[in-house]
Each structure stands twice: as structure tokens, then as C-alpha cells.
Amino acid sequence: GVAAFLIGATDRHALSELQHMEIPCFSMATNLPQGEWPWGSPSFKSLGPHKIELIYKTISWGFELVITDIDALVLREPFAHMSRWPDAAFLTTSDHLGNTTADDGLETHNAIH
């Protein structure tokens, strides 16, 4: 399993619940509206730069990073799969891709919509 992890809470309620359960966490609160943000809305689009800043800071501190959307689940231990490409600077997934391979390998750039 993963021994070192940290979860970013996007609102005060989530932060409070994580802290209550003694889960390592930090506040990712912004001045954006609370609640669900419809896909493509101004609030949804405003979150992107916050995620990029988080990624940049984490990498500049020398840490490795696995980041997922709040509505994504990781159902299997991902590190064995990721270690198949040790020279990759980053690996990414998207729900806007179609399969371009049938061999469990990396997708080609042709899958990008």
C-alpha cells in the first residue's frame, strides 16, 4: 500500500471530516463558490490554474505526485502500472480519450479529441 499520502480538501466541510478521521490533509480552499460546479462553468474553469499551481509547487519541492479529479476512483494499486515507463516525466489519463491500442500499452496522441 501507499505509506505517504496527503489529500487536498476543496472545501471546509471536507477538510473538517478528513481531520476528524485523522487522514493527512490540507486545505485547497479557494474564493470560488462552494458546491458542485457544472462542467465548463466559470468556477469549473477557474479551478484549473489552482491545480497547476499545486502540481508545480509539489514537483519543485522534489516530490512525486499522483493527482486525480475529485470524482475519480483508483481501484487498483497504480504504481506497478506506472513503473512500466520509468523514463516518463508524467503519465495522464482522461475521460476524453478513446482506446488507440489493444495491448495495455500507452495510448497514441491520435486519441486526443
Foldseek 3Di string as FASTA:
>chain_A
DDDDDEAEDADPVSVVVCVVVVHHYDYLYDPADDDDDPPPDPSNVVCVVSVVVVVVVCVVVVHDDDDDPPPDDDPDDCPVVVVVCVPDPDDDDDPQFDAPDDPSDDGDPVRHD
